[in-house]
C-alpha atoms as a PDB file:
ATOM      1  CA  UNK A   1     -36.569  -8.872  21.953  1.00  0.00           C
ATOM      2  CA  UNK A   2     -34.332  -6.280  19.816  1.00  0.00           C
ATOM      3  CA  UNK A   3     -30.649  -6.255  19.554  1.00  0.00           C
ATOM      4  CA  UNK A   4     -28.634  -3.540  18.193  1.00  0.00           C
ATOM      5  CA  UNK A   5     -25.776  -4.565  16.171  1.00  0.00           C
ATOM      6  CA  UNK A   6     -23.081  -2.842  14.457  1.00  0.00           C
ATOM      7  CA  UNK A   7     -22.367  -2.838  10.799  1.00  0.00           C
ATOM      8  CA  UNK A   8     -19.605  -1.417   8.384  1.00  0.00           C
ATOM      9  CA  UNK A   9     -19.364   0.323   5.173  1.00  0.00           C
ATOM     10  CA  UNK A  10     -15.801   0.379   3.549  1.00  0.00           C
ATOM     11  CA  UNK A  11     -14.373   2.755   1.393  1.00  0.00           C
ATOM     12  CA  UNK A  12     -15.692   3.104  -2.239  1.00  0.00           C
ATOM     13  CA  UNK A  13     -18.901   2.218  -0.795  1.00  0.00           C
ATOM     14  CA  UNK A  14     -18.612  -1.708   0.207  1.00  0.00           C
ATOM     15  CA  UNK A  15     -21.400  -2.622   2.634  1.00  0.00           C
ATOM     16  CA  UNK A  16     -19.990  -5.712   4.277  1.00  0.00           C
ATOM     17  CA  UNK A  17     -21.176  -8.229   6.791  1.00  0.00           C
ATOM     18  CA  UNK A  18     -22.208  -7.340  10.476  1.00  0.00           C
ATOM     19  CA  UNK A  19     -19.731  -7.496  13.112  1.00  0.00           C
ATOM     20  CA  UNK A  20     -19.786 -11.329  12.939  1.00  0.00           C
ATOM     21  CA  UNK A  21     -17.209 -10.709  10.042  1.00  0.00           C
ATOM     22  CA  UNK A  22     -13.708 -11.909  10.222  1.00  0.00           C
ATOM     23  CA  UNK A  23     -10.766  -9.546  11.566  1.00  0.00           C
ATOM     24  CA  UNK A  24      -9.462  -7.065   8.820  1.00  0.00           C
ATOM     25  CA  UNK A  25      -6.509  -7.654   6.898  1.00  0.00           C
ATOM     26  CA  UNK A  26      -3.287  -6.692   8.398  1.00  0.00           C
ATOM     27  CA  UNK A  27      -2.602  -2.673   7.819  1.00  0.00           C
ATOM     28  CA  UNK A  28      -0.112  -3.183   5.055  1.00  0.00           C
ATOM     29  CA  UNK A  29      -2.398  -5.112   2.961  1.00  0.00           C
ATOM     30  CA  UNK A  30      -4.989  -2.784   3.529  1.00  0.00           C
ATOM     31  CA  UNK A  31      -2.889   0.112   2.494  1.00  0.00           C
ATOM     32  CA  UNK A  32      -2.014  -1.907  -0.782  1.00  0.00           C
ATOM     33  CA  UNK A  33      -5.650  -2.580  -1.346  1.00  0.00           C
ATOM     34  CA  UNK A  34      -6.719   1.064  -1.222  1.00  0.00           C
ATOM     35  CA  UNK A  35      -4.023   2.058  -3.499  1.00  0.00           C
ATOM     36  CA  UNK A  36      -5.065  -0.618  -5.964  1.00  0.00           C
ATOM     37  CA  UNK A  37      -8.901  -0.163  -5.641  1.00  0.00           C
ATOM     38  CA  UNK A  38     -12.181  -0.565  -3.302  1.00  0.00           C
ATOM     39  CA  UNK A  39     -11.245  -2.027   0.046  1.00  0.00           C
ATOM     40  CA  UNK A  40     -13.321  -5.045   0.749  1.00  0.00           C
ATOM     41  CA  UNK A  41     -13.734  -6.591   4.001  1.00  0.00           C
ATOM     42  CA  UNK A  42     -14.233 -10.567   4.124  1.00  0.00           C
ATOM     43  CA  UNK A  43     -17.373 -11.781   5.680  1.00  0.00           C
ATOM     44  CA  UNK A  44     -17.395 -14.829   8.267  1.00  0.00           C
ATOM     45  CA  UNK A  45     -20.674 -15.814   6.542  1.00  0.00           C
ATOM     46  CA  UNK A  46     -20.028 -17.484   3.252  1.00  0.00           C
ATOM     47  CA  UNK A  47     -23.515 -16.580   1.713  1.00  0.00           C
ATOM     48  CA  UNK A  48     -22.670 -12.759   2.316  1.00  0.00           C
ATOM     49  CA  UNK A  49     -21.041 -10.745  -0.399  1.00  0.00           C
ATOM     50  CA  UNK A  50     -20.020  -7.235  -0.235  1.00  0.00           C
ATOM     51  CA  UNK A  51     -22.188  -4.963  -2.052  1.00  0.00           C
ATOM     52  CA  UNK A  52     -20.771  -1.946  -3.834  1.00  0.00           C
ATOM     53  CA  UNK A  53     -22.719   1.507  -2.889  1.00  0.00           C
ATOM     54  CA  UNK A  54     -22.607   3.647  -5.938  1.00  0.00           C
ATOM     55  CA  UNK A  55     -23.656   6.451  -3.547  1.00  0.00           C
ATOM     56  CA  UNK A  56     -20.375   6.426  -1.387  1.00  0.00           C
ATOM     57  CA  UNK A  57     -18.289   5.950  -4.693  1.00  0.00           C
ATOM     58  CA  UNK A  58     -20.035   9.114  -6.010  1.00  0.00           C
ATOM     59  CA  UNK A  59     -19.043  10.940  -2.665  1.00  0.00           C
ATOM     60  CA  UNK A  60     -15.535  10.111  -3.298  1.00  0.00           C
ATOM     61  CA  UNK A  61     -15.748  11.150  -6.921  1.00  0.00           C
ATOM     62  CA  UNK A  62     -17.029  14.325  -5.970  1.00  0.00           C
ATOM     63  CA  UNK A  63     -14.405  14.973  -3.441  1.00  0.00           C
ATOM     64  CA  UNK A  64     -11.872  14.384  -5.874  1.00  0.00           C
ATOM     65  CA  UNK A  65     -13.563  16.605  -8.427  1.00  0.00           C
ATOM     66  CA  UNK A  66     -13.682  19.370  -5.822  1.00  0.00           C
ATOM     67  CA  UNK A  67      -9.732  19.101  -5.520  1.00  0.00           C
ATOM     68  CA  UNK A  68     -10.036  17.757  -1.777  1.00  0.00           C
ATOM     69  CA  UNK A  69      -7.133  15.699  -0.291  1.00  0.00           C
ATOM     70  CA  UNK A  70      -9.580  13.644   1.522  1.00  0.00           C
ATOM     71  CA  UNK A  71     -11.812  10.434   0.599  1.00  0.00           C
ATOM     72  CA  UNK A  72     -14.241   8.433   2.470  1.00  0.00           C
ATOM     73  CA  UNK A  73     -12.747   5.295   3.870  1.00  0.00           C
ATOM     74  CA  UNK A  74     -15.447   3.693   5.725  1.00  0.00           C
ATOM     75  CA  UNK A  75     -18.426   4.154   7.839  1.00  0.00           C
ATOM     76  CA  UNK A  76     -19.175   1.947  11.152  1.00  0.00           C
ATOM     77  CA  UNK A  77     -22.708   2.344  12.053  1.00  0.00           C
ATOM     78  CA  UNK A  78     -24.908   0.690  14.716  1.00  0.00           C
ATOM     79  CA  UNK A  79     -28.221  -0.762  13.575  1.00  0.00           C
ATOM     80  CA  UNK A  80     -31.432  -1.769  15.350  1.00  0.00           C
ATOM     81  CA  UNK A  81     -31.944  -5.262  13.781  1.00  0.00           C
ATOM     82  CA  UNK A  82     -35.348  -5.978  15.186  1.00  0.00           C
ATOM     83  CA  UNK A  83     -36.039  -9.538  16.276  1.00  0.00           C
ATOM     84  CA  UNK A  84     -33.346 -12.031  16.216  1.00  0.00           C
ATOM     85  CA  UNK A  85     -33.333 -15.865  15.711  1.00  0.00           C
ATOM     86  CA  UNK A  86     -30.754 -17.771  17.330  1.00  0.00           C
ATOM     87  CA  UNK A  87     -29.449 -21.320  16.299  1.00  0.00           C
ATOM     88  CA  UNK A  88     -27.392 -23.655  18.376  1.00  0.00           C
ATOM     89  CA  UNK A  89     -24.824 -20.913  19.334  1.00  0.00           C
ATOM     90  CA  UNK A  90     -25.123 -17.346  17.387  1.00  0.00           C
ATOM     91  CA  UNK A  91     -21.828 -15.150  17.511  1.00  0.00           C
ATOM     92  CA  UNK A  92     -23.646 -11.800  17.297  1.00  0.00           C
ATOM     93  CA  UNK A  93     -20.136 -10.230  17.144  1.00  0.00           C
ATOM     94  CA  UNK A  94     -16.787 -11.601  17.122  1.00  0.00           C
ATOM     95  CA  UNK A  95     -14.262  -8.732  16.560  1.00  0.00           C
ATOM     96  CA  UNK A  96     -10.790  -9.411  18.218  1.00  0.00           C
ATOM     97  CA  UNK A  97      -8.419  -7.212  16.321  1.00  0.00           C
ATOM     98  CA  UNK A  98      -7.862  -3.970  18.351  1.00  0.00           C
ATOM     99  CA  UNK A  99      -6.978  -0.948  16.169  1.00  0.00           C
ATOM    100  CA  UNK A 100      -7.834  -0.248  12.721  1.00  0.00           C
ATOM    101  CA  UNK A 101      -6.024  -0.027   9.605  1.00  0.00           C
ATOM    102  CA  UNK A 102      -5.950   3.776   9.767  1.00  0.00           C
ATOM    103  CA  UNK A 103      -4.849   6.245  12.436  1.00  0.00           C
ATOM    104  CA  UNK A 104      -4.063   9.799  13.028  1.00  0.00           C
ATOM    105  CA  UNK A 105      -0.698  10.932  12.500  1.00  0.00           C
ATOM    106  CA  UNK A 106       0.982  12.646  15.433  1.00  0.00           C
ATOM    107  CA  UNK A 107       2.392  16.125  14.108  1.00  0.00           C
ATOM    108  CA  UNK A 108       0.600  15.672  10.829  1.00  0.00           C
ATOM    109  CA  UNK A 109       1.259  19.098   8.791  1.00  0.00           C
ATOM    110  CA  UNK A 110      -2.031  18.743   6.894  1.00  0.00           C
ATOM    111  CA  UNK A 111      -3.737  19.159  10.361  1.00  0.00           C
ATOM    112  CA  UNK A 112      -1.752  21.840  11.591  1.00  0.00           C
ATOM    113  CA  UNK A 113       1.181  19.583  13.375  1.00  0.00           C
ATOM    114  CA  UNK A 114      -1.361  18.741  15.895  1.00  0.00           C
ATOM    115  CA  UNK A 115      -0.007  15.763  18.400  1.00  0.00           C
ATOM    116  CA  UNK A 116      -3.439  14.925  19.225  1.00  0.00           C
ATOM    117  CA  UNK A 117      -6.886  15.629  17.857  1.00  0.00           C
ATOM    118  CA  UNK A 118      -9.434  18.627  17.932  1.00  0.00           C
ATOM    119  CA  UNK A 119     -13.113  18.406  17.648  1.00  0.00           C
ATOM    120  CA  UNK A 120     -16.156  20.539  16.977  1.00  0.00           C
ATOM    121  CA  UNK A 121     -19.875  20.321  17.515  1.00  0.00           C
ATOM    122  CA  UNK A 122     -21.991  21.499  14.439  1.00  0.00           C
ATOM    123  CA  UNK A 123     -23.814  24.373  15.866  1.00  0.00           C
ATOM    124  CA  UNK A 124     -26.813  23.550  13.797  1.00  0.00           C
ATOM    125  CA  UNK A 125     -27.074  19.608  14.889  1.00  0.00           C
ATOM    126  CA  UNK A 126     -29.401  18.899  11.910  1.00  0.00           C
ATOM    127  CA  UNK A 127     -32.595  18.210  13.509  1.00  0.00           C
ATOM    128  CA  UNK A 128     -33.770  17.721  17.324  1.00  0.00           C
ATOM    129  CA  UNK A 129     -34.133  14.000  18.410  1.00  0.00           C
ATOM    130  CA  UNK A 130     -36.788  13.178  20.793  1.00  0.00           C
ATOM    131  CA  UNK A 131     -36.380  12.057  24.397  1.00  0.00           C
ATOM    132  CA  UNK A 132     -38.818  10.809  26.984  1.00  0.00           C
ATOM    133  CA  UNK A 133     -38.631  10.163  30.825  1.00  0.00           C
ATOM    134  CA  UNK A 134     -37.494   6.690  32.233  1.00  0.00           C
ATOM    135  CA  UNK A 135     -41.081   5.872  32.754  1.00  0.00           C
ATOM    136  CA  UNK A 136     -42.090   6.391  29.189  1.00  0.00           C
ATOM    137  CA  UNK A 137     -43.946   9.886  29.835  1.00  0.00           C
ATOM    138  CA  UNK A 138     -42.855  13.372  28.730  1.00  0.00           C
ATOM    139  CA  UNK A 139     -42.019  12.668  25.221  1.00  0.00           C
ATOM    140  CA  UNK A 140     -40.450  15.777  23.536  1.00  0.00           C
ATOM    141  CA  UNK A 141     -37.288  17.123  21.577  1.00  0.00           C
ATOM    142  CA  UNK A 142     -34.178  18.194  22.865  1.00  0.00           C
ATOM    143  CA  UNK A 143     -32.680  21.344  21.684  1.00  0.00           C
ATOM    144  CA  UNK A 144     -28.971  21.695  20.933  1.00  0.00           C
ATOM    145  CA  UNK A 145     -28.458  23.442  24.366  1.00  0.00           C
ATOM    146  CA  UNK A 146     -29.498  20.275  26.099  1.00  0.00           C
ATOM    147  CA  UNK A 147     -27.435  17.913  23.672  1.00  0.00           C
ATOM    148  CA  UNK A 148     -24.113  19.907  23.631  1.00  0.00           C
ATOM    149  CA  UNK A 149     -23.319  18.902  27.262  1.00  0.00           C
ATOM    150  CA  UNK A 150     -24.088  15.306  26.518  1.00  0.00           C
ATOM    151  CA  UNK A 151     -21.773  15.195  23.533  1.00  0.00           C
ATOM    152  CA  UNK A 152     -18.977  16.796  25.488  1.00  0.00           C
ATOM    153  CA  UNK A 153     -19.502  13.890  28.049  1.00  0.00           C
ATOM    154  CA  UNK A 154     -18.641  11.672  25.028  1.00  0.00           C
ATOM    155  CA  UNK A 155     -15.454  13.758  24.332  1.00  0.00           C
ATOM    156  CA  UNK A 156     -14.381  14.150  27.910  1.00  0.00           C
ATOM    157  CA  UNK A 157     -14.630  10.222  28.378  1.00  0.00           C
ATOM    158  CA  UNK A 158     -11.743   9.477  25.918  1.00  0.00           C
ATOM    159  CA  UNK A 159      -9.824  13.042  26.993  1.00  0.00           C
ATOM    160  CA  UNK A 160      -9.549  11.606  30.582  1.00  0.00           C
ATOM    161  CA  UNK A 161      -7.652   8.504  29.651  1.00  0.00           C
ATOM    162  CA  UNK A 162      -4.526   8.960  31.702  1.00  0.00           C
ATOM    163  CA  UNK A 163      -2.086   6.803  29.304  1.00  0.00           C
ATOM    164  CA  UNK A 164      -1.698   9.563  27.060  1.00  0.00           C
ATOM    165  CA  UNK A 165      -1.129  13.335  27.026  1.00  0.00           C
ATOM    166  CA  UNK A 166      -1.898  13.566  23.415  1.00  0.00           C
ATOM    167  CA  UNK A 167      -4.647  16.569  23.593  1.00  0.00           C
ATOM    168  CA  UNK A 168      -8.446  16.208  22.426  1.00  0.00           C
ATOM    169  CA  UNK A 169      -9.494  19.760  22.272  1.00  0.00           C
ATOM    170  CA  UNK A 170     -12.559  21.535  21.313  1.00  0.00           C
ATOM    171  CA  UNK A 171     -12.480  24.055  18.395  1.00  0.00           C
ATOM    172  CA  UNK A 172     -14.348  27.294  18.678  1.00  0.00           C
ATOM    173  CA  UNK A 173     -16.203  27.979  15.370  1.00  0.00           C
ATOM    174  CA  UNK A 174     -16.846  31.286  13.893  1.00  0.00           C
ATOM    175  CA  UNK A 175     -20.357  32.288  13.515  1.00  0.00           C
ATOM    176  CA  UNK A 176     -22.151  30.881  10.303  1.00  0.00           C
ATOM    177  CA  UNK A 177     -19.434  28.125   9.735  1.00  0.00           C
ATOM    178  CA  UNK A 178     -20.679  24.713   8.676  1.00  0.00           C
ATOM    179  CA  UNK A 179     -17.978  22.349  10.037  1.00  0.00           C
ATOM    180  CA  UNK A 180     -19.037  19.034   8.317  1.00  0.00           C
ATOM    181  CA  UNK A 181     -18.735  17.755   4.922  1.00  0.00           C
ATOM    182  CA  UNK A 182     -21.337  14.997   4.649  1.00  0.00           C
ATOM    183  CA  UNK A 183     -24.635  16.662   5.405  1.00  0.00           C
ATOM    184  CA  UNK A 184     -23.971  18.890   2.537  1.00  0.00           C
ATOM    185  CA  UNK A 185     -22.996  16.038   0.117  1.00  0.00           C
ATOM    186  CA  UNK A 186     -25.744  14.200   1.244  1.00  0.00           C
ATOM    187  CA  UNK A 187     -28.543  16.822   1.530  1.00  0.00           C
ATOM    188  CA  UNK A 188     -27.408  19.441  -1.091  1.00  0.00           C
ATOM    189  CA  UNK A 189     -27.438  22.861   0.272  1.00  0.00           C
ATOM    190  CA  UNK A 190     -27.773  21.833   3.765  1.00  0.00           C
ATOM    191  CA  UNK A 191     -30.077  24.513   4.734  1.00  0.00           C
ATOM    192  CA  UNK A 192     -28.641  27.037   2.750  1.00  0.00           C
ATOM    193  CA  UNK A 193     -25.561  27.279   5.012  1.00  0.00           C
ATOM    194  CA  UNK A 194     -22.914  27.348   2.069  1.00  0.00           C
ATOM    195  CA  UNK A 195     -19.716  25.682   1.608  1.00  0.00           C
ATOM    196  CA  UNK A 196     -18.809  23.621   4.439  1.00  0.00           C
ATOM    197  CA  UNK A 197     -15.068  24.441   6.065  1.00  0.00           C
ATOM    198  CA  UNK A 198     -13.251  21.684   7.591  1.00  0.00           C
ATOM    199  CA  UNK A 199     -11.835  23.389  10.894  1.00  0.00           C
ATOM    200  CA  UNK A 200     -11.509  20.017  13.261  1.00  0.00           C
ATOM    201  CA  UNK A 201     -10.351  16.621  12.936  1.00  0.00           C
ATOM    202  CA  UNK A 202     -13.656  15.165  14.510  1.00  0.00           C
ATOM    203  CA  UNK A 203     -17.047  16.751  13.913  1.00  0.00           C
ATOM    204  CA  UNK A 204     -20.012  15.854  16.120  1.00  0.00           C
ATOM    205  CA  UNK A 205     -22.440  16.764  13.411  1.00  0.00           C
ATOM    206  CA  UNK A 206     -25.667  15.819  15.326  1.00  0.00           C
ATOM    207  CA  UNK A 207     -28.846  14.285  14.533  1.00  0.00           C
ATOM    208  CA  UNK A 208     -30.383  13.734  10.922  1.00  0.00           C
ATOM    209  CA  UNK A 209     -33.681  12.171   9.971  1.00  0.00           C
ATOM    210  CA  UNK A 210     -33.730   8.507   8.562  1.00  0.00           C
ATOM    211  CA  UNK A 211     -33.486   9.666   4.931  1.00  0.00           C
ATOM    212  CA  UNK A 212     -30.006  10.683   5.583  1.00  0.00           C
ATOM    213  CA  UNK A 213     -29.235   7.195   6.500  1.00  0.00           C
ATOM    214  CA  UNK A 214     -30.914   5.540   3.805  1.00  0.00           C
ATOM    215  CA  UNK A 215     -29.138   7.585   1.283  1.00  0.00           C
ATOM    216  CA  UNK A 216     -25.886   5.781   1.894  1.00  0.00           C
ATOM    217  CA  UNK A 217     -27.260   2.520   3.108  1.00  0.00           C
ATOM    218  CA  UNK A 218     -30.453   1.943   1.338  1.00  0.00           C
ATOM    219  CA  UNK A 219     -33.934   0.727   3.120  1.00  0.00           C
ATOM    220  CA  UNK A 220     -31.837  -0.685   6.094  1.00  0.00           C
ATOM    221  CA  UNK A 221     -30.476   2.631   7.030  1.00  0.00           C
ATOM    222  CA  UNK A 222     -33.782   3.541   8.361  1.00  0.00           C
ATOM    223  CA  UNK A 223     -32.624   1.372  11.564  1.00  0.00           C
ATOM    224  CA  UNK A 224     -29.289   3.050  11.830  1.00  0.00           C
ATOM    225  CA  UNK A 225     -28.722   4.199  15.306  1.00  0.00           C
ATOM    226  CA  UNK A 226     -25.323   6.213  14.846  1.00  0.00           C
ATOM    227  CA  UNK A 227     -22.486   6.102  12.212  1.00  0.00           C
ATOM    228  CA  UNK A 228     -19.170   7.512  12.264  1.00  0.00           C
ATOM    229  CA  UNK A 229     -17.401   8.194   8.944  1.00  0.00           C
ATOM    230  CA  UNK A 230     -13.719   8.133   8.570  1.00  0.00           C
ATOM    231  CA  UNK A 231     -11.780   9.660   5.822  1.00  0.00           C
ATOM    232  CA  UNK A 232      -8.264   9.574   4.952  1.00  0.00           C
ATOM    233  CA  UNK A 233      -5.528  11.576   3.155  1.00  0.00           C
ATOM    234  CA  UNK A 234      -4.529  11.197  -0.490  1.00  0.00           C
ATOM    235  CA  UNK A 235      -1.794  13.013  -2.353  1.00  0.00           C
ATOM    236  CA  UNK A 236      -1.759  15.190  -5.260  1.00  0.00           C
ATOM    237  CA  UNK A 237      -2.140  11.923  -7.609  1.00  0.00           C
ATOM    238  CA  UNK A 238      -5.093  10.707  -5.449  1.00  0.00           C
ATOM    239  CA  UNK A 239      -3.276   7.755  -3.779  1.00  0.00           C
ATOM    240  CA  UNK A 240      -3.821   7.173  -0.151  1.00  0.00           C
ATOM    241  CA  UNK A 241      -0.735   8.530   1.995  1.00  0.00           C
ATOM    242  CA  UNK A 242       1.044   6.864   4.875  1.00  0.00           C
ATOM    243  CA  UNK A 243       3.596   9.749   5.635  1.00  0.00           C
ATOM    244  CA  UNK A 244       4.944   8.106   9.049  1.00  0.00           C
ATOM    245  CA  UNK A 245       5.414   4.795   7.505  1.00  0.00           C
ATOM    246  CA  UNK A 246       3.557   2.770   9.961  1.00  0.00           C
ATOM    247  CA  UNK A 247       1.721   0.967   7.437  1.00  0.00           C
ATOM    248  CA  UNK A 248      -1.697   2.580   8.032  1.00  0.00           C
ATOM    249  CA  UNK A 249      -3.608   5.177   6.099  1.00  0.00           C
ATOM    250  CA  UNK A 250      -3.353   8.707   7.355  1.00  0.00           C
ATOM    251  CA  UNK A 251      -6.837   9.666   8.975  1.00  0.00           C
ATOM    252  CA  UNK A 252      -7.938  12.997   7.873  1.00  0.00           C
ATOM    253  CA  UNK A 253     -11.395  13.514   9.229  1.00  0.00           C
ATOM    254  CA  UNK A 254     -14.074  11.963  11.424  1.00  0.00           C
ATOM    255  CA  UNK A 255     -17.833  12.681  11.199  1.00  0.00           C
ATOM    256  CA  UNK A 256     -20.463  11.365  13.384  1.00  0.00           C
ATOM    257  CA  UNK A 257     -24.271  11.430  12.958  1.00  0.00           C
ATOM    258  CA  UNK A 258     -27.161  10.154  14.901  1.00  0.00           C
ATOM    259  CA  UNK A 259     -30.758   9.015  13.782  1.00  0.00           C
ATOM    260  CA  UNK A 260     -33.909  10.988  14.810  1.00  0.00           C
ATOM    261  CA  UNK A 261     -35.917   7.957  14.353  1.00  0.00           C
ATOM    262  CA  UNK A 262     -35.045   6.737  17.933  1.00  0.00           C
ATOM    263  CA  UNK A 263     -36.020   8.224  21.403  1.00  0.00           C
ATOM    264  CA  UNK A 264     -32.659   9.252  23.076  1.00  0.00           C
ATOM    265  CA  UNK A 265     -31.661   9.649  26.756  1.00  0.00           C
ATOM    266  CA  UNK A 266     -28.803  10.254  29.072  1.00  0.00           C
ATOM    267  CA  UNK A 267     -30.239   8.235  31.923  1.00  0.00           C
ATOM    268  CA  UNK A 268     -29.399   4.423  30.865  1.00  0.00           C
ATOM    269  CA  UNK A 269     -32.942   3.635  30.926  1.00  0.00           C
ATOM    270  CA  UNK A 270     -34.070   0.546  28.731  1.00  0.00           C
ATOM    271  CA  UNK A 271     -37.081   2.698  26.985  1.00  0.00           C
ATOM    272  CA  UNK A 272     -34.394   5.043  25.178  1.00  0.00           C
ATOM    273  CA  UNK A 273     -31.086   4.694  23.229  1.00  0.00           C
ATOM    274  CA  UNK A 274     -28.558   5.842  25.744  1.00  0.00           C
ATOM    275  CA  UNK A 275     -27.002   9.000  24.385  1.00  0.00           C
ATOM    276  CA  UNK A 276     -23.804   8.485  26.520  1.00  0.00           C
ATOM    277  CA  UNK A 277     -23.111   5.013  25.298  1.00  0.00           C
ATOM    278  CA  UNK A 278     -23.865   5.606  21.684  1.00  0.00           C
ATOM    279  CA  UNK A 279     -21.782   8.822  21.171  1.00  0.00           C
ATOM    280  CA  UNK A 280     -18.949   7.565  23.232  1.00  0.00           C
ATOM    281  CA  UNK A 281     -18.878   4.384  21.437  1.00  0.00           C
ATOM    282  CA  UNK A 282     -18.909   6.284  18.106  1.00  0.00           C
ATOM    283  CA  UNK A 283     -16.448   8.626  19.475  1.00  0.00           C
ATOM    284  CA  UNK A 284     -13.908   5.688  20.194  1.00  0.00           C
ATOM    285  CA  UNK A 285     -14.089   4.943  16.586  1.00  0.00           C
ATOM    286  CA  UNK A 286     -13.417   8.489  15.835  1.00  0.00           C
ATOM    287  CA  UNK A 287     -10.096   8.309  18.012  1.00  0.00           C
ATOM    288  CA  UNK A 288      -9.168   5.165  16.009  1.00  0.00           C
ATOM    289  CA  UNK A 289     -10.761   2.426  18.400  1.00  0.00           C
ATOM    290  CA  UNK A 290     -12.144  -0.781  16.550  1.00  0.00           C
ATOM    291  CA  UNK A 291     -15.015  -3.051  17.627  1.00  0.00           C
ATOM    292  CA  UNK A 292     -13.688  -5.619  20.142  1.00  0.00           C
ATOM    293  CA  UNK A 293     -15.113  -8.510  22.066  1.00  0.00           C
ATOM    294  CA  UNK A 294     -17.052 -11.663  21.685  1.00  0.00           C
ATOM    295  CA  UNK A 295     -20.900 -11.432  22.000  1.00  0.00           C
ATOM    296  CA  UNK A 296     -23.191 -14.633  21.957  1.00  0.00           C
ATOM    297  CA  UNK A 297     -26.191 -16.449  23.188  1.00  0.00           C
ATOM    298  CA  UNK A 298     -25.665 -20.337  23.830  1.00  0.00           C
ATOM    299  CA  UNK A 299     -28.192 -23.029  22.818  1.00  0.00           C
ATOM    300  CA  UNK A 300     -29.109 -23.735  26.495  1.00  0.00           C
ATOM    301  CA  UNK A 301     -29.847 -20.114  27.286  1.00  0.00           C
ATOM    302  CA  UNK A 302     -31.769 -19.919  24.241  1.00  0.00           C
ATOM    303  CA  UNK A 303     -33.924 -22.892  24.896  1.00  0.00           C
ATOM    304  CA  UNK A 304     -37.011 -21.054  26.603  1.00  0.00           C
ATOM    305  CA  UNK A 305     -36.570 -17.805  24.542  1.00  0.00           C
ATOM    306  CA  UNK A 306     -34.088 -15.015  24.651  1.00  0.00           C
ATOM    307  CA  UNK A 307     -33.908 -12.407  27.576  1.00  0.00           C
ATOM    308  CA  UNK A 308     -31.099  -9.745  27.986  1.00  0.00           C
ATOM    309  CA  UNK A 309     -29.407 -11.730  31.027  1.00  0.00           C
ATOM    310  CA  UNK A 310     -29.145 -14.709  28.313  1.00  0.00           C
ATOM    311  CA  UNK A 311     -26.538 -12.666  26.425  1.00  0.00           C
ATOM    312  CA  UNK A 312     -22.930 -13.282  27.031  1.00  0.00           C
ATOM    313  CA  UNK A 313     -19.952 -10.990  26.442  1.00  0.00           C
ATOM    314  CA  UNK A 314     -16.429 -11.957  26.452  1.00  0.00           C
ATOM    315  CA  UNK A 315     -15.262  -9.652  27.450  1.00  0.00           C
ATOM    316  CA  UNK A 316     -17.908  -6.889  28.137  1.00  0.00           C
ATOM    317  CA  UNK A 317     -16.725  -3.401  26.670  1.00  0.00           C
ATOM    318  CA  UNK A 318     -18.126  -0.179  25.460  1.00  0.00           C
ATOM    319  CA  UNK A 319     -16.546  -1.036  22.126  1.00  0.00           C
ATOM    320  CA  UNK A 320     -18.436  -4.173  21.845  1.00  0.00           C
ATOM    321  CA  UNK A 321     -20.166  -4.687  18.255  1.00  0.00           C
ATOM    322  CA  UNK A 322     -23.496  -5.179  19.933  1.00  0.00           C
ATOM    323  CA  UNK A 323     -25.672  -2.525  21.727  1.00  0.00           C
ATOM    324  CA  UNK A 324     -28.743  -4.275  23.590  1.00  0.00           C
ATOM    325  CA  UNK A 325     -30.016  -1.577  26.114  1.00  0.00           C
ATOM    326  CA  UNK A 326     -28.815   0.686  28.994  1.00  0.00           C
ATOM    327  CA  UNK A 327     -25.132   1.689  29.397  1.00  0.00           C
ATOM    328  CA  UNK A 328     -21.729   0.181  29.223  1.00  0.00           C
ATOM    329  CA  UNK A 329     -18.790   2.424  30.879  1.00  0.00           C
ATOM    330  CA  UNK A 330     -15.256   2.255  29.344  1.00  0.00           C
ATOM    331  CA  UNK A 331     -13.827  -0.923  30.669  1.00  0.00           C
ATOM    332  CA  UNK A 332     -10.072  -2.147  31.102  1.00  0.00           C
ATOM    333  CA  UNK A 333     -10.220  -3.565  27.543  1.00  0.00           C
ATOM    334  CA  UNK A 334     -11.400  -0.087  25.895  1.00  0.00           C
ATOM    335  CA  UNK A 335      -8.986   1.641  27.900  1.00  0.00           C
ATOM    336  CA  UNK A 336      -5.955  -0.748  26.744  1.00  0.00           C
ATOM    337  CA  UNK A 337      -7.183  -0.216  23.294  1.00  0.00           C
ATOM    338  CA  UNK A 338      -6.977   3.247  23.574  1.00  0.00           C
ATOM    339  CA  UNK A 339      -3.643   3.388  25.114  1.00  0.00           C
ATOM    340  CA  UNK A 340      -2.213   1.027  22.499  1.00  0.00           C
ATOM    341  CA  UNK A 341      -3.033   3.821  19.976  1.00  0.00           C
ATOM    342  CA  UNK A 342      -2.387   6.959  21.888  1.00  0.00           C
ATOM    343  CA  UNK A 343       0.402   6.323  24.550  1.00  0.00           C
ATOM    344  CA  UNK A 344       3.030   6.418  21.861  1.00  0.00           C
ATOM    345  CA  UNK A 345       1.615   9.878  20.413  1.00  0.00           C
ATOM    346  CA  UNK A 346       2.544  11.818  23.609  1.00  0.00           C
END
C-alpha cells in the first residue's frame, strides 16, 4: 500500500529528514541560527544528513538582489512515498512540538498593522488538476470555478475556530494581478503575467505540474502532493527580525501549491487525494501550525502485511505528519494548537 508522508525543506534550502525528525530547536536558538547562517533540522535517523539545496539558496539571493524584505524560511510538503517496508516498530512520524519557530506578528506594520492575516487565491491557479468519481469513473479536469469553493472551505475551517477573534479575511485582487512570488521565480515569466505583487499574507497559489516541484526538491519532487512555503521578514541589512521580542522569526508570507500529478476529489473517497484534507492541512501550516502526533505500525500489526487499519495514531489529528487516505477533520489537538498560537492575538 502507499503512505503519503510529510517532509521539510528549511531556509537556505536544506532538505531534511521526513517527519520522523526530532523536534526543532527552541525558537531563540533558531533565531540565532538564522542570523548566523542556514538553518538545519536534526534528523532522528543517524544515517540521514541535511542536503543543501542550491535552488532555494538561489531564490533567497534573487529576493535579496530585488530589494525584497522577504526570505524563504522553509517549505513543508507532503510526499507520496510509495510502498513502505516496516521493521519491528516503525515511527512514520513523531512530531510532538506544537507551534513553529516563526509566527505572524499581531499589528505588524509591514503587513498593514493587521491583527490577523488575510489571504488571496491566485486567479490563474497554474494548471487544472484531474478529478474522478468515487467509483473511479469520469476522469476530468477541474476548472478554477470548481476549485475556488474548495479552497475557501480550507480557509473557513481555521477561520471558524472560536478561541480567536483575529480575522482571517480574503483580499479581492485587481484584474491582471499575480499575487504570488514563487511560480514567477520557479517558472520565469509565469505565463507572461508580469511582475508579481504581494497583496496578501497567505496565497492559495493553485496547482502546478510536477516539474514545478522537482525544481526545488529534485527527482523526489515528482511525488510531492502539496507544499507550503513560509517566508520571514529581514531588516535593511538582511537579518531576520523579531520585532515583538517573542524569540520567533516574523512571518511575512506563505504560499501554497498542489501537484497536478494526482487525482483530486472533495468526497473523502480512497481513490483520490482528498482536497479538503490536504488544503486544510497546508493552510494549517500557513497559520503557524506544526505537524503533531505519533503515527506508527507495530510488529504484531505488520506480521501478516500492512493494511490501513494497522496504522495507529497518538493522537489522530489533521496535522499528523502522515496522510494515508480519506479525510481527517480538525480535532481537539489541532484546535488547541491553533488556539495556543492565536488566542493571544485577539
